[in-house]
Amino acid sequence: MAWVNFDEIKKAVSLEMVIAHYGIELRRVNAASLRGKCPLPTHGSDTSRASFTATLTKGVGGVWACQLRSCVAARDGKKGGNALDFVATMERCDLHEAAAKMQGWFGVPGATREESARSDQTENKPELFQKRARRRNRRGTNRSISGCKVSIRRIPISPAGE
């Protein structure tokens, strides 16, 4: 099974993008909320018109929920979730498979192990700068974050008894 970086996928793909991918039409309640007929295959009622809600500003990329009891019961008591949970429910697969599908659909960079390792190398640059600052400290001078030069005087300590 291929390795996927769930954090990268969550950051890159919003719930709104996933809903658009499936071509689901929901009405906009306000700037942050969508509502409509539940599109989930686990939904058991044809009469409910507005049991599905998507809140685009909650969590990372938005959250969704269907309040209908039969739909919740079919999902083992879960009312909703994030974009990954939505794809897993729509595709009737586990979260790993859902993440792999989203990676392919939306071309998420940094979602494979190799790309993630490359981004980790560039993200660790502050650590490199901290190492350089420690070396400068040992030499006697250091530049603080504000750019002011700070001098450190070394005072030789003679051993006891001399």
N, C-alpha and C. Protein backbone atom coordinates (compact mmCIF):
# COMPACT_ATOMS: atom_id res chain seq x y z
N MET A 1 0.84 -1.18 0.00
CA MET A 1 0.00 0.00 0.00
C MET A 1 0.88 1.24 0.00
N ALA A 2 0.56 2.22 -0.81
CA ALA A 2 1.36 3.43 -0.94
C ALA A 2 1.24 4.30 0.31
N TRP A 3 2.33 4.98 0.64
CA TRP A 3 2.37 5.88 1.79
C TRP A 3 1.78 7.23 1.38
N VAL A 4 0.94 7.81 2.22
CA VAL A 4 0.38 9.14 1.97
C VAL A 4 0.53 10.00 3.21
N ASN A 5 0.72 11.27 2.99
CA ASN A 5 0.85 12.24 4.09
C ASN A 5 -0.51 12.87 4.33
N PHE A 6 -1.22 12.40 5.34
CA PHE A 6 -2.57 12.88 5.62
C PHE A 6 -2.60 14.38 5.90
N ASP A 7 -1.60 14.89 6.60
CA ASP A 7 -1.57 16.33 6.93
C ASP A 7 -1.52 17.19 5.67
N GLU A 8 -0.68 16.78 4.71
CA GLU A 8 -0.58 17.54 3.46
C GLU A 8 -1.90 17.53 2.70
N ILE A 9 -2.56 16.39 2.68
CA ILE A 9 -3.83 16.28 1.98
C ILE A 9 -4.89 17.13 2.65
N LYS A 10 -4.94 17.08 3.99
CA LYS A 10 -5.92 17.90 4.73
C LYS A 10 -5.71 19.39 4.50
N LYS A 11 -4.43 19.79 4.44
CA LYS A 11 -4.13 21.22 4.21
C LYS A 11 -4.47 21.65 2.79
N ALA A 12 -4.22 20.78 1.83
CA ALA A 12 -4.36 21.14 0.41
C ALA A 12 -5.78 21.04 -0.13
N VAL A 13 -6.58 20.13 0.42
CA VAL A 13 -7.91 19.85 -0.15
C VAL A 13 -9.00 20.21 0.86
N SER A 14 -9.83 21.16 0.50
CA SER A 14 -10.92 21.56 1.38
C SER A 14 -12.17 20.73 1.10
N LEU A 15 -13.09 20.75 2.03
CA LEU A 15 -14.35 20.04 1.87
C LEU A 15 -15.12 20.59 0.68
N GLU A 16 -15.04 21.89 0.48
CA GLU A 16 -15.72 22.53 -0.65
C GLU A 16 -15.20 21.98 -1.98
N MET A 17 -13.90 21.74 -2.08
CA MET A 17 -13.31 21.17 -3.29
C MET A 17 -13.82 19.75 -3.53
N VAL A 18 -13.94 18.97 -2.46
CA VAL A 18 -14.41 17.59 -2.58
C VAL A 18 -15.88 17.57 -3.00
N ILE A 19 -16.69 18.43 -2.41
CA ILE A 19 -18.11 18.51 -2.77
C ILE A 19 -18.26 18.88 -4.24
N ALA A 20 -17.45 19.82 -4.71
CA ALA A 20 -17.47 20.22 -6.12
C ALA A 20 -17.02 19.06 -7.01
N HIS A 21 -16.03 18.29 -6.55
CA HIS A 21 -15.55 17.15 -7.32
C HIS A 21 -16.67 16.15 -7.60
N TYR A 22 -17.51 15.92 -6.61
CA TYR A 22 -18.63 14.99 -6.76
C TYR A 22 -19.83 15.63 -7.48
N GLY A 23 -19.78 16.93 -7.73
CA GLY A 23 -20.87 17.60 -8.41
C GLY A 23 -22.14 17.73 -7.56
N ILE A 24 -21.97 17.79 -6.26
CA ILE A 24 -23.10 17.87 -5.34
C ILE A 24 -23.56 19.33 -5.24
N GLU A 25 -24.85 19.54 -5.40
CA GLU A 25 -25.41 20.88 -5.32
C GLU A 25 -26.02 21.10 -3.95
N LEU A 26 -25.48 22.05 -3.22
CA LEU A 26 -25.98 22.43 -1.91
C LEU A 26 -26.26 23.94 -1.94
N ARG A 27 -27.22 24.37 -1.15
CA ARG A 27 -27.51 25.81 -1.11
C ARG A 27 -26.65 26.46 -0.03
N ARG A 28 -26.21 27.67 -0.33
CA ARG A 28 -25.38 28.42 0.61
C ARG A 28 -26.28 29.09 1.63
N VAL A 29 -26.11 28.73 2.90
CA VAL A 29 -26.89 29.31 3.99
C VAL A 29 -26.29 30.66 4.38
N ASN A 30 -24.98 30.70 4.49
CA ASN A 30 -24.22 31.93 4.74
C ASN A 30 -22.82 31.74 4.14
N ALA A 31 -21.93 32.66 4.44
CA ALA A 31 -20.60 32.60 3.83
C ALA A 31 -19.83 31.32 4.18
N ALA A 32 -20.15 30.73 5.33
CA ALA A 32 -19.38 29.58 5.80
C ALA A 32 -20.15 28.26 5.81
N SER A 33 -21.43 28.27 5.45
CA SER A 33 -22.22 27.04 5.56
C SER A 33 -22.98 26.70 4.29
N LEU A 34 -23.04 25.40 4.02
CA LEU A 34 -23.82 24.86 2.90
C LEU A 34 -24.79 23.84 3.48
N ARG A 35 -25.97 23.72 2.88
CA ARG A 35 -26.97 22.78 3.37
C ARG A 35 -27.74 22.19 2.20
N GLY A 36 -28.17 20.94 2.37
CA GLY A 36 -28.97 20.32 1.32
C GLY A 36 -29.27 18.87 1.61
N LYS A 37 -29.75 18.20 0.58
CA LYS A 37 -30.08 16.78 0.67
C LYS A 37 -28.79 15.99 0.84
N CYS A 38 -28.82 15.03 1.72
CA CYS A 38 -27.63 14.24 2.01
C CYS A 38 -27.24 13.40 0.79
N PRO A 39 -25.99 13.53 0.31
CA PRO A 39 -25.53 12.77 -0.86
C PRO A 39 -24.91 11.42 -0.52
N LEU A 40 -24.81 11.11 0.76
CA LEU A 40 -24.09 9.90 1.18
C LEU A 40 -24.84 8.63 0.79
N PRO A 41 -24.11 7.60 0.38
CA PRO A 41 -24.75 6.34 0.02
C PRO A 41 -25.38 5.64 1.23
N THR A 42 -24.99 6.05 2.44
CA THR A 42 -25.55 5.45 3.66
C THR A 42 -26.87 6.09 4.06
N HIS A 43 -27.27 7.15 3.38
CA HIS A 43 -28.49 7.88 3.73
C HIS A 43 -29.72 7.03 3.36
N GLY A 44 -30.64 6.91 4.33
CA GLY A 44 -31.75 6.00 4.12
C GLY A 44 -33.08 6.64 3.79
N SER A 45 -33.17 7.97 3.77
CA SER A 45 -34.46 8.62 3.56
C SER A 45 -34.48 9.42 2.27
N ASP A 46 -35.58 9.31 1.53
CA ASP A 46 -35.75 10.10 0.32
C ASP A 46 -36.53 11.38 0.59
N THR A 47 -37.10 11.49 1.78
CA THR A 47 -37.95 12.64 2.08
C THR A 47 -37.21 13.81 2.70
N SER A 48 -36.09 13.58 3.37
CA SER A 48 -35.37 14.69 4.01
C SER A 48 -34.68 15.54 2.94
N ARG A 49 -34.83 16.86 3.10
CA ARG A 49 -34.28 17.77 2.09
C ARG A 49 -33.07 18.55 2.56
N ALA A 50 -32.90 18.67 3.88
CA ALA A 50 -31.81 19.51 4.38
C ALA A 50 -31.13 18.91 5.60
N SER A 51 -30.89 17.62 5.58
CA SER A 51 -30.25 16.99 6.73
C SER A 51 -28.72 17.07 6.66
N PHE A 52 -28.18 17.42 5.50
CA PHE A 52 -26.72 17.48 5.31
C PHE A 52 -26.25 18.92 5.45
N THR A 53 -25.23 19.12 6.28
CA THR A 53 -24.66 20.46 6.50
C THR A 53 -23.15 20.39 6.31
N ALA A 54 -22.60 21.37 5.62
CA ALA A 54 -21.15 21.52 5.48
C ALA A 54 -20.76 22.88 6.03
N THR A 55 -19.89 22.89 7.03
CA THR A 55 -19.39 24.14 7.61
C THR A 55 -17.96 24.29 7.14
N LEU A 56 -17.72 25.26 6.30
CA LEU A 56 -16.43 25.38 5.60
C LEU A 56 -15.32 26.00 6.44
N THR A 57 -15.67 26.64 7.56
CA THR A 57 -14.66 27.32 8.36
C THR A 57 -14.22 26.54 9.59
N LYS A 58 -14.82 25.42 9.88
CA LYS A 58 -14.42 24.63 11.05
C LYS A 58 -13.36 23.61 10.67
N GLY A 59 -12.50 23.31 11.61
CA GLY A 59 -11.46 22.30 11.39
C GLY A 59 -10.50 22.72 10.29
N VAL A 60 -9.78 21.76 9.76
CA VAL A 60 -8.85 22.01 8.66
C VAL A 60 -9.59 21.72 7.37
N GLY A 61 -10.02 22.76 6.66
CA GLY A 61 -10.68 22.59 5.38
C GLY A 61 -12.19 22.41 5.44
N GLY A 62 -12.76 22.38 6.63
CA GLY A 62 -14.20 22.26 6.76
C GLY A 62 -14.66 20.92 7.31
N VAL A 63 -15.90 20.92 7.82
CA VAL A 63 -16.49 19.70 8.36
C VAL A 63 -17.90 19.53 7.81
N TRP A 64 -18.41 18.31 7.86
CA TRP A 64 -19.75 18.02 7.38
C TRP A 64 -20.47 17.15 8.39
N ALA A 65 -21.80 17.12 8.29
CA ALA A 65 -22.60 16.26 9.17
C ALA A 65 -23.95 15.99 8.52
N CYS A 66 -24.49 14.81 8.79
CA CYS A 66 -25.86 14.47 8.44
C CYS A 66 -26.52 14.04 9.74
N GLN A 67 -27.61 14.70 10.09
CA GLN A 67 -28.25 14.46 11.38
C GLN A 67 -29.30 13.35 11.35
N LEU A 68 -29.65 12.84 10.20
CA LEU A 68 -30.69 11.83 10.10
C LEU A 68 -30.25 10.54 10.82
N ARG A 69 -31.11 10.01 11.69
CA ARG A 69 -30.75 8.85 12.52
C ARG A 69 -30.33 7.64 11.69
N SER A 70 -31.03 7.36 10.61
CA SER A 70 -30.68 6.17 9.81
C SER A 70 -29.31 6.33 9.15
N CYS A 71 -28.97 7.53 8.75
CA CYS A 71 -27.66 7.81 8.14
C CYS A 71 -26.55 7.67 9.19
N VAL A 72 -26.79 8.22 10.38
CA VAL A 72 -25.82 8.13 11.47
C VAL A 72 -25.62 6.67 11.88
N ALA A 73 -26.72 5.93 11.98
CA ALA A 73 -26.64 4.52 12.37
C ALA A 73 -25.86 3.69 11.35
N ALA A 74 -26.02 4.00 10.08
CA ALA A 74 -25.30 3.27 9.02
C ALA A 74 -23.80 3.55 9.07
N ARG A 75 -23.40 4.67 9.69
CA ARG A 75 -21.99 5.03 9.82
C ARG A 75 -21.48 4.77 11.24
N ASP A 76 -22.05 3.80 11.92
CA ASP A 76 -21.64 3.40 13.27
C ASP A 76 -21.67 4.55 14.28
N GLY A 77 -22.70 5.38 14.19
CA GLY A 77 -22.89 6.46 15.16
C GLY A 77 -22.16 7.75 14.85
N LYS A 78 -21.41 7.80 13.75
CA LYS A 78 -20.69 9.02 13.39
C LYS A 78 -21.62 9.95 12.63
N LYS A 79 -21.73 11.19 13.10
CA LYS A 79 -22.60 12.16 12.43
C LYS A 79 -21.93 12.81 11.24
N GLY A 80 -20.61 12.95 11.27
CA GLY A 80 -19.91 13.62 10.18
C GLY A 80 -18.41 13.49 10.30
N GLY A 81 -17.70 14.47 9.74
CA GLY A 81 -16.24 14.45 9.78
C GLY A 81 -15.64 15.50 8.86
N ASN A 82 -14.42 15.25 8.43
CA ASN A 82 -13.72 16.19 7.54
C ASN A 82 -13.78 15.68 6.09
N ALA A 83 -13.01 16.29 5.21
CA ALA A 83 -13.04 15.93 3.79
C ALA A 83 -12.61 14.47 3.57
N LEU A 84 -11.62 13.99 4.33
CA LEU A 84 -11.19 12.60 4.20
C LEU A 84 -12.31 11.63 4.58
N ASP A 85 -13.01 11.95 5.67
CA ASP A 85 -14.12 11.10 6.10
C ASP A 85 -15.24 11.09 5.05
N PHE A 86 -15.47 12.25 4.43
CA PHE A 86 -16.51 12.36 3.41
C PHE A 86 -16.20 11.45 2.22
N VAL A 87 -14.96 11.51 1.73
CA VAL A 87 -14.57 10.67 0.59
C VAL A 87 -14.62 9.20 0.97
N ALA A 88 -14.17 8.86 2.18
CA ALA A 88 -14.21 7.46 2.63
C ALA A 88 -15.65 6.95 2.67
N THR A 89 -16.58 7.80 3.10
CA THR A 89 -17.99 7.39 3.16
C THR A 89 -18.58 7.30 1.76
N MET A 90 -18.30 8.27 0.91
CA MET A 90 -18.83 8.26 -0.46
C MET A 90 -18.31 7.07 -1.26
N GLU A 91 -17.03 6.76 -1.10
CA GLU A 91 -16.39 5.69 -1.86
C GLU A 91 -16.48 4.33 -1.17
N ARG A 92 -17.00 4.34 0.06
CA ARG A 92 -17.11 3.12 0.87
C ARG A 92 -15.74 2.42 0.98
N CYS A 93 -14.76 3.21 1.44
CA CYS A 93 -13.41 2.69 1.61
C CYS A 93 -12.84 3.20 2.94
N ASP A 94 -11.62 2.78 3.28
CA ASP A 94 -11.02 3.27 4.51
C ASP A 94 -10.34 4.62 4.25
N LEU A 95 -9.85 5.24 5.34
CA LEU A 95 -9.26 6.58 5.22
C LEU A 95 -8.00 6.59 4.35
N HIS A 96 -7.22 5.53 4.41
CA HIS A 96 -5.99 5.47 3.60
C HIS A 96 -6.32 5.48 2.11
N GLU A 97 -7.29 4.67 1.73
CA GLU A 97 -7.70 4.64 0.32
C GLU A 97 -8.30 5.98 -0.09
N ALA A 98 -9.08 6.59 0.80
CA ALA A 98 -9.67 7.90 0.51
C ALA A 98 -8.58 8.94 0.29
N ALA A 99 -7.55 8.92 1.14
CA ALA A 99 -6.44 9.87 1.00
C ALA A 99 -5.70 9.66 -0.32
N ALA A 100 -5.48 8.41 -0.70
CA ALA A 100 -4.81 8.12 -1.96
C ALA A 100 -5.64 8.62 -3.15
N LYS A 101 -6.96 8.44 -3.08
CA LYS A 101 -7.84 8.93 -4.15
C LYS A 101 -7.78 10.45 -4.24
N MET A 102 -7.84 11.12 -3.09
CA MET A 102 -7.79 12.59 -3.07
C MET A 102 -6.46 13.09 -3.61
N GLN A 103 -5.39 12.39 -3.27
CA GLN A 103 -4.06 12.76 -3.77
C GLN A 103 -4.04 12.72 -5.29
N GLY A 104 -4.64 11.70 -5.87
CA GLY A 104 -4.69 11.57 -7.32
C GLY A 104 -5.63 12.59 -7.96
N TRP A 105 -6.80 12.79 -7.38
CA TRP A 105 -7.78 13.73 -7.95
C TRP A 105 -7.27 15.15 -7.96
N PHE A 106 -6.64 15.56 -6.86
CA PHE A 106 -6.28 16.97 -6.69
C PHE A 106 -4.79 17.24 -6.86
N GLY A 107 -4.00 16.20 -7.16
CA GLY A 107 -2.56 16.37 -7.40
C GLY A 107 -1.85 17.03 -6.23
N VAL A 108 -2.02 16.47 -5.04
CA VAL A 108 -1.45 17.07 -3.83
C VAL A 108 0.07 16.86 -3.80
N PRO A 109 0.86 17.95 -3.84
CA PRO A 109 2.31 17.80 -3.74
C PRO A 109 2.71 17.52 -2.30
N GLY A 110 3.81 16.80 -2.11
CA GLY A 110 4.30 16.51 -0.77
C GLY A 110 3.53 15.43 -0.06
N ALA A 111 2.66 14.73 -0.78
CA ALA A 111 1.84 13.71 -0.13
C ALA A 111 2.49 12.34 -0.14
N THR A 112 3.56 12.16 -0.92
CA THR A 112 4.25 10.87 -0.91
C THR A 112 5.43 10.94 0.04
N ARG A 113 5.98 9.80 0.42
CA ARG A 113 7.08 9.77 1.38
C ARG A 113 8.30 10.55 0.87
N GLU A 114 8.64 10.41 -0.43
CA GLU A 114 9.81 11.08 -0.98
C GLU A 114 9.63 12.60 -0.96
N GLU A 115 8.46 13.07 -1.39
CA GLU A 115 8.21 14.51 -1.41
C GLU A 115 8.17 15.07 0.00
N SER A 116 7.62 14.32 0.94
CA SER A 116 7.55 14.75 2.33
C SER A 116 8.95 14.86 2.91
N ALA A 117 9.83 13.91 2.58
CA ALA A 117 11.21 13.96 3.08
C ALA A 117 11.93 15.18 2.54
N ARG A 118 11.68 15.52 1.26
CA ARG A 118 12.30 16.72 0.69
C ARG A 118 11.81 17.97 1.39
N SER A 119 10.52 18.05 1.68
CA SER A 119 10.00 19.24 2.35
C SER A 119 10.51 19.31 3.78
N ASP A 120 10.73 18.14 4.43
CA ASP A 120 11.29 18.14 5.78
C ASP A 120 12.70 18.71 5.77
N GLN A 121 13.48 18.43 4.72
CA GLN A 121 14.83 18.95 4.64
C GLN A 121 14.82 20.47 4.56
N THR A 122 13.88 21.03 3.82
CA THR A 122 13.83 22.49 3.71
C THR A 122 13.21 23.12 4.94
N GLU A 123 12.31 22.40 5.64
CA GLU A 123 11.69 22.95 6.83
C GLU A 123 12.66 22.97 8.01
N ASN A 124 13.73 22.19 7.98
CA ASN A 124 14.66 22.14 9.10
C ASN A 124 15.73 23.22 9.02
N LYS A 125 15.60 24.18 8.13
CA LYS A 125 16.59 25.24 8.02
C LYS A 125 16.73 26.04 9.31
N PRO A 126 15.66 26.35 10.04
CA PRO A 126 15.85 27.08 11.29
C PRO A 126 16.77 26.34 12.25
N GLU A 127 16.72 25.02 12.24
CA GLU A 127 17.61 24.23 13.10
C GLU A 127 19.06 24.47 12.69
N LEU A 128 19.32 24.55 11.39
CA LEU A 128 20.67 24.83 10.90
C LEU A 128 21.14 26.19 11.39
N PHE A 129 20.26 27.20 11.35
CA PHE A 129 20.62 28.53 11.81
C PHE A 129 20.90 28.53 13.30
N GLN A 130 20.17 27.74 14.07
CA GLN A 130 20.41 27.65 15.50
C GLN A 130 21.78 27.04 15.78
N LYS A 131 22.17 26.03 15.00
CA LYS A 131 23.49 25.43 15.16
C LYS A 131 24.58 26.45 14.89
N ARG A 132 24.40 27.25 13.84
CA ARG A 132 25.39 28.29 13.51
C ARG A 132 25.48 29.31 14.63
N ALA A 133 24.32 29.67 15.21
CA ALA A 133 24.32 30.64 16.31
C ALA A 133 25.06 30.09 17.52
N ARG A 134 24.91 28.80 17.79
CA ARG A 134 25.63 28.19 18.93
C ARG A 134 27.13 28.21 18.67
N ARG A 135 27.56 27.98 17.42
CA ARG A 135 28.98 28.04 17.09
C ARG A 135 29.52 29.44 17.30
N ARG A 136 28.74 30.45 16.86
CA ARG A 136 29.18 31.84 17.06
C ARG A 136 29.27 32.15 18.55
N ASN A 137 28.37 31.60 19.34
CA ASN A 137 28.39 31.80 20.78
C ASN A 137 29.69 31.30 21.37
N ARG A 138 30.13 30.15 20.91
CA ARG A 138 31.37 29.58 21.42
C ARG A 138 32.57 30.44 21.05
N ARG A 139 32.48 31.14 19.92
CA ARG A 139 33.58 31.99 19.48
C ARG A 139 33.59 33.34 20.19
N GLY A 140 32.48 33.71 20.84
CA GLY A 140 32.50 34.94 21.61
C GLY A 140 31.54 36.01 21.12
N THR A 141 30.95 35.88 19.95
CA THR A 141 29.98 36.87 19.50
C THR A 141 28.76 36.16 18.94
N ASN A 142 27.68 36.86 19.01
CA ASN A 142 26.44 36.31 18.47
C ASN A 142 25.57 37.48 18.04
N ARG A 143 24.78 37.27 17.05
CA ARG A 143 23.81 38.29 16.65
C ARG A 143 22.44 37.82 17.12
N SER A 144 21.76 38.69 17.83
CA SER A 144 20.43 38.33 18.30
C SER A 144 19.45 38.47 17.16
N ILE A 145 18.21 38.12 17.39
CA ILE A 145 17.18 38.19 16.37
C ILE A 145 17.00 39.62 15.87
N SER A 146 17.15 40.60 16.75
CA SER A 146 16.96 42.00 16.35
C SER A 146 18.13 42.52 15.52
N GLY A 147 19.21 41.78 15.44
CA GLY A 147 20.34 42.18 14.62
C GLY A 147 21.43 42.88 15.40
N CYS A 148 21.24 43.14 16.68
CA CYS A 148 22.24 43.81 17.51
C CYS A 148 23.36 42.82 17.84
N LYS A 149 24.59 43.33 17.81
CA LYS A 149 25.72 42.47 18.10
C LYS A 149 25.90 42.39 19.62
N VAL A 150 26.07 41.19 20.10
CA VAL A 150 26.23 40.96 21.53
C VAL A 150 27.61 40.35 21.73
N SER A 151 28.39 40.93 22.63
CA SER A 151 29.73 40.38 22.92
C SER A 151 29.67 39.58 24.21
N ILE A 152 30.39 38.52 24.21
CA ILE A 152 30.47 37.68 25.40
C ILE A 152 31.93 37.61 25.81
N ARG A 153 32.23 38.11 27.02
CA ARG A 153 33.60 38.06 27.52
C ARG A 153 33.86 36.74 28.19
N ARG A 154 34.99 36.17 27.88
CA ARG A 154 35.37 34.93 28.54
C ARG A 154 36.35 35.25 29.66
N ILE A 155 36.01 34.79 30.82
CA ILE A 155 36.88 35.05 31.99
C ILE A 155 37.52 33.71 32.37
N PRO A 156 38.86 33.67 32.29
CA PRO A 156 39.52 32.41 32.65
C PRO A 156 39.37 32.15 34.15
N ILE A 157 39.04 30.97 34.48
CA ILE A 157 38.91 30.57 35.89
C ILE A 157 40.06 29.67 36.21
N SER A 158 40.82 30.08 37.24
CA SER A 158 41.96 29.24 37.61
C SER A 158 41.49 28.15 38.55
N PRO A 159 42.13 27.00 38.45
CA PRO A 159 41.77 25.89 39.34
C PRO A 159 42.02 26.27 40.81
N ALA A 160 41.28 25.68 41.69
CA ALA A 160 41.39 25.97 43.12
C ALA A 160 42.78 25.61 43.61
N GLY A 161 43.31 26.45 44.48
CA GLY A 161 44.61 26.16 45.07
C GLY A 161 45.75 26.83 44.35
N GLU A 162 45.53 27.61 43.33
CA GLU A 162 46.64 28.26 42.64
C GLU A 162 46.78 29.68 43.05
